[in-house]
Each structure stands twice: as structure tokens, then as C-alpha cells.
Amino acid sequence: MENILNGVQVLLSIAVIFLVLMHSGKDAGLSGAFGVGSGAGPFGGGSLVERNLNRWTIAFAIAFVLNTIILLKI
């Protein structure tokens, strides 16, 4: 079981790194790569792609933390 969780941890860490690197500065995020102007505040608005990227990043980060806690308890 521990080996499976270790493998999942590696995959989650790669996914979180990739998702965080997809984000960029204030003006150049993922929506900037597609030529969509941002005009929204830091916590609202933005393109649908940018909001989904935020959701996926948060979900994978939570899964990473939970998996880390489980691995520490084993």
C-alpha cells in the first residue's frame, strides 16, 4: 500500500508543479496565452479556462497534502 501511495505522491507532485507553472504573472496567465484580455480582479472573473485552471490547481494541491498526511501516518 505504501508503494502505491508513494507512486501517487510522485504523480501528484508532477501535476501540481505543471499546474502552478501554467499560471503566470498578473498580465500573462493562461488567458494571456490565448490572447484574451483579463480585466478582472484577482479573485473573480477571468476567462473560463483560467478559472478552471485555478480549480484544478487547488484540487490537486489538496490531494497532494492529504496524500502526504496519509503517508506520514503509515
Protein backbone atom coordinates (compact mmCIF):
# COMPACT_ATOMS: atom_id res chain seq x y z
CA MET A 1 0.00 0.00 0.00
CA GLU A 2 2.83 2.38 0.85
CA ASN A 3 4.44 1.87 -2.56
CA ILE A 4 1.18 2.73 -4.31
CA LEU A 5 0.80 5.90 -2.24
CA ASN A 6 4.41 6.84 -2.99
CA GLY A 7 3.72 6.46 -6.71
CA VAL A 8 0.57 8.56 -6.38
CA GLN A 9 2.61 11.19 -4.49
CA VAL A 10 5.09 11.44 -7.35
CA LEU A 11 2.30 11.82 -9.90
CA LEU A 12 0.51 14.42 -7.77
CA SER A 13 3.70 16.42 -7.29
CA ILE A 14 4.37 16.46 -11.04
CA ALA A 15 0.77 17.53 -11.69
CA VAL A 16 0.91 20.34 -9.10
CA ILE A 17 4.22 21.61 -10.49
CA PHE A 18 2.82 21.59 -14.03
CA LEU A 19 -0.40 23.35 -13.00
CA VAL A 20 1.45 26.03 -11.00
CA LEU A 21 3.79 26.68 -13.91
CA MET A 22 0.76 27.17 -16.17
CA HIS A 23 -0.06 30.22 -14.04
CA SER A 24 1.91 33.31 -14.71
CA GLY A 25 2.13 36.95 -13.65
CA LYS A 26 -0.76 39.37 -13.42
CA ASP A 27 -0.95 40.09 -17.14
CA ALA A 28 0.28 36.92 -18.75
CA GLY A 29 -1.63 33.96 -17.28
CA LEU A 30 -3.10 31.17 -19.34
CA SER A 31 -5.75 33.53 -20.68
CA GLY A 32 -2.96 35.79 -21.94
CA ALA A 33 -1.52 32.89 -23.92
CA PHE A 34 -4.79 32.68 -25.83
CA GLY A 35 -4.99 36.44 -26.39
CA VAL A 36 -7.89 37.00 -24.03
CA GLY A 37 -7.68 40.22 -22.07
CA SER A 38 -8.11 39.86 -18.35
CA GLY A 39 -9.91 42.88 -16.89
CA ALA A 40 -10.95 41.03 -13.76
CA GLY A 41 -9.80 41.18 -10.17
CA PRO A 42 -7.58 38.60 -8.55
CA PHE A 43 -10.44 36.51 -7.13
CA GLY A 44 -13.22 36.95 -9.64
CA GLY A 45 -13.87 36.98 -13.33
CA GLY A 46 -11.22 35.99 -15.80
CA SER A 47 -11.74 33.54 -18.58
CA LEU A 48 -13.36 30.17 -18.09
CA VAL A 49 -10.06 28.46 -18.86
CA GLU A 50 -8.28 30.47 -16.16
CA ARG A 51 -10.96 29.71 -13.56
CA ASN A 52 -10.83 26.00 -14.38
CA LEU A 53 -7.04 26.08 -14.11
CA ASN A 54 -7.39 27.60 -10.64
CA ARG A 55 -9.87 24.91 -9.62
CA TRP A 56 -7.67 22.07 -10.89
CA THR A 57 -4.62 23.54 -9.14
CA ILE A 58 -6.46 23.77 -5.83
CA ALA A 59 -7.90 20.25 -6.17
CA PHE A 60 -4.52 18.68 -6.94
CA ALA A 61 -2.83 20.65 -4.15
CA ILE A 62 -5.41 19.42 -1.63
CA ALA A 63 -4.98 15.84 -2.88
CA PHE A 64 -1.20 16.25 -2.54
CA VAL A 65 -1.49 17.46 1.06
CA LEU A 66 -3.93 14.69 2.00
CA ASN A 67 -1.69 12.05 0.45
CA THR A 68 1.29 13.48 2.34
CA ILE A 69 -0.62 13.27 5.63
CA ILE A 70 -1.65 9.68 4.88
CA LEU A 71 1.95 8.74 4.07
CA LEU A 72 3.14 10.28 7.34
CA LYS A 73 0.58 8.28 9.34
CA ILE A 74 1.59 4.93 7.78
